[in-house]
Amino acid sequence: MPEASEQEKYIIDKNGVKRRARRTYTDEFKQQIVDLYNTGNYSQKQLMYEYDLTETALSRWIRQANNSGSFKEKDNRTPEEDELIRLRKENKQLLMENDILKAAALILGKKENQR
């Protein structure tokens, strides 16, 4: 059985509310939890209670393990998400190039006016 998470840590958010700090888990821990679930001996609720996990995190781990076998977000993107990221990068690059060309045109325009 995997080791339970380390001692709880709390933070005070900007509204003064005490909240549990974001926890991180190793890929090995996530895989062990998914393996326990896949044996059929444990339900999601049992694993959530025993290891103090959120429903969202556990469901995501199970989905990721079943889809790609990886817990990295990059490995679990849809082709549409990858294309959107690529297009956003390309758009940012084109906007920068456009700004550079506008600045160059202004400089050249000033030089032409000075003649």
Protein backbone atom coordinates (compact mmCIF):
# COMPACT_ATOMS: atom_id res chain seq x y z
CA MET A 1 0.00 0.00 0.00
CA PRO A 2 1.25 3.51 -0.75
CA GLU A 3 2.23 5.84 2.02
CA ALA A 4 -0.41 8.34 3.07
CA SER A 5 0.33 12.00 2.38
CA GLU A 6 2.54 13.93 4.75
CA GLN A 7 1.24 16.05 7.62
CA GLU A 8 -1.43 18.58 6.65
CA LYS A 9 -0.27 22.09 5.87
CA TYR A 10 -2.63 25.04 5.89
CA ILE A 11 -2.47 28.49 4.41
CA ILE A 12 -4.53 31.62 4.94
CA ASP A 13 -5.96 32.87 1.65
CA LYS A 14 -6.45 36.51 0.65
CA ASN A 15 -9.90 36.50 2.31
CA GLY A 16 -8.45 35.34 5.62
CA VAL A 17 -9.88 31.83 5.27
CA LYS A 18 -7.79 28.88 6.44
CA ARG A 19 -7.38 26.39 3.59
CA ARG A 20 -5.41 23.23 3.03
CA ALA A 21 -2.28 23.98 1.00
CA ARG A 22 -2.03 22.45 -2.45
CA ARG A 23 -0.51 19.01 -2.24
CA THR A 24 1.67 17.31 -4.81
CA TYR A 25 2.02 13.60 -5.37
CA THR A 26 4.64 11.61 -7.21
CA ASP A 27 3.74 9.72 -10.35
CA GLU A 28 4.58 6.51 -8.49
CA PHE A 29 2.06 7.30 -5.75
CA LYS A 30 -0.62 8.13 -8.33
CA GLN A 31 0.06 4.87 -10.19
CA GLN A 32 -0.15 2.86 -6.97
CA ILE A 33 -3.53 4.43 -6.16
CA VAL A 34 -4.82 3.75 -9.69
CA ASP A 35 -3.56 0.16 -9.45
CA LEU A 36 -5.43 -0.29 -6.16
CA TYR A 37 -8.59 1.02 -7.80
CA ASN A 38 -8.14 -1.20 -10.87
CA THR A 39 -7.86 -4.36 -8.75
CA GLY A 40 -11.54 -3.91 -7.93
CA ASN A 41 -10.86 -4.29 -4.21
CA TYR A 42 -11.25 -0.57 -3.50
CA SER A 43 -13.88 1.92 -4.57
CA GLN A 44 -13.05 5.52 -5.34
CA LYS A 45 -14.73 6.56 -2.09
CA GLN A 46 -12.61 4.12 -0.06
CA LEU A 47 -9.39 5.39 -1.63
CA MET A 48 -10.46 9.02 -1.17
CA TYR A 49 -11.15 8.43 2.51
CA GLU A 50 -8.11 6.28 3.26
CA TYR A 51 -5.60 8.54 1.48
CA ASP A 52 -7.39 11.87 1.99
CA LEU A 53 -7.74 12.53 -1.74
CA THR A 54 -10.20 14.74 -3.54
CA GLU A 55 -12.70 13.18 -5.91
CA THR A 56 -11.46 15.40 -8.72
CA ALA A 57 -7.82 14.38 -8.31
CA LEU A 58 -8.56 10.66 -8.10
CA SER A 59 -10.91 10.71 -11.09
CA ARG A 60 -8.31 12.63 -13.12
CA TRP A 61 -5.56 10.14 -12.23
CA ILE A 62 -7.73 7.19 -13.26
CA ARG A 63 -8.72 8.88 -16.53
CA GLN A 64 -5.13 9.86 -17.33
CA ALA A 65 -3.78 6.38 -16.57
CA ASN A 66 -6.43 4.79 -18.76
CA ASN A 67 -6.02 7.28 -21.64
CA SER A 68 -2.27 7.61 -22.01
CA GLY A 69 -0.62 5.85 -19.09
CA SER A 70 0.94 9.19 -18.12
CA PHE A 71 0.01 11.70 -15.44
CA LYS A 72 1.56 14.65 -17.28
CA GLU A 73 -0.97 17.15 -18.65
CA LYS A 74 1.01 17.48 -21.89
CA ASP A 75 0.58 13.77 -22.60
CA ASN A 76 -3.17 13.94 -22.00
CA ARG A 77 -4.12 16.82 -24.31
CA THR A 78 -6.51 16.34 -27.19
CA PRO A 79 -5.29 17.17 -30.70
CA GLU A 80 -7.55 20.24 -30.58
CA GLU A 81 -5.90 21.47 -27.38
CA ASP A 82 -2.45 20.98 -28.94
CA GLU A 83 -3.53 22.91 -32.03
CA LEU A 84 -4.96 25.74 -29.91
CA ILE A 85 -1.66 26.06 -28.01
CA ARG A 86 0.29 26.06 -31.29
CA LEU A 87 -2.00 28.69 -32.82
CA ARG A 88 -1.77 30.93 -29.76
CA LYS A 89 2.04 30.80 -29.91
CA GLU A 90 1.98 31.53 -33.64
CA ASN A 91 -0.44 34.44 -33.11
CA LYS A 92 1.79 35.91 -30.40
CA GLN A 93 4.82 35.65 -32.71
CA LEU A 94 2.95 37.32 -35.58
CA LEU A 95 1.76 40.16 -33.33
CA MET A 96 5.36 40.79 -32.24
CA GLU A 97 6.57 40.76 -35.83
CA ASN A 98 3.76 43.16 -36.79
CA ASP A 99 4.77 45.57 -34.01
CA ILE A 100 8.39 45.45 -35.18
CA LEU A 101 7.37 46.18 -38.77
CA LYS A 102 5.18 49.10 -37.65
CA ALA A 103 8.10 50.58 -35.70
CA ALA A 104 10.43 50.11 -38.67
CA ALA A 105 7.91 51.79 -40.98
CA LEU A 106 7.70 54.79 -38.63
CA ILE A 107 11.48 55.10 -38.52
CA LEU A 108 11.79 54.85 -42.29
CA GLY A 109 8.93 57.32 -42.74
CA LYS A 110 10.70 59.87 -40.54
CA LYS A 111 13.92 59.45 -42.51
CA GLU A 112 12.06 60.02 -45.80
CA ASN A 113 10.45 63.18 -44.40
CA GLN A 114 13.83 64.56 -43.31
CA ARG A 115 15.21 64.48 -46.90
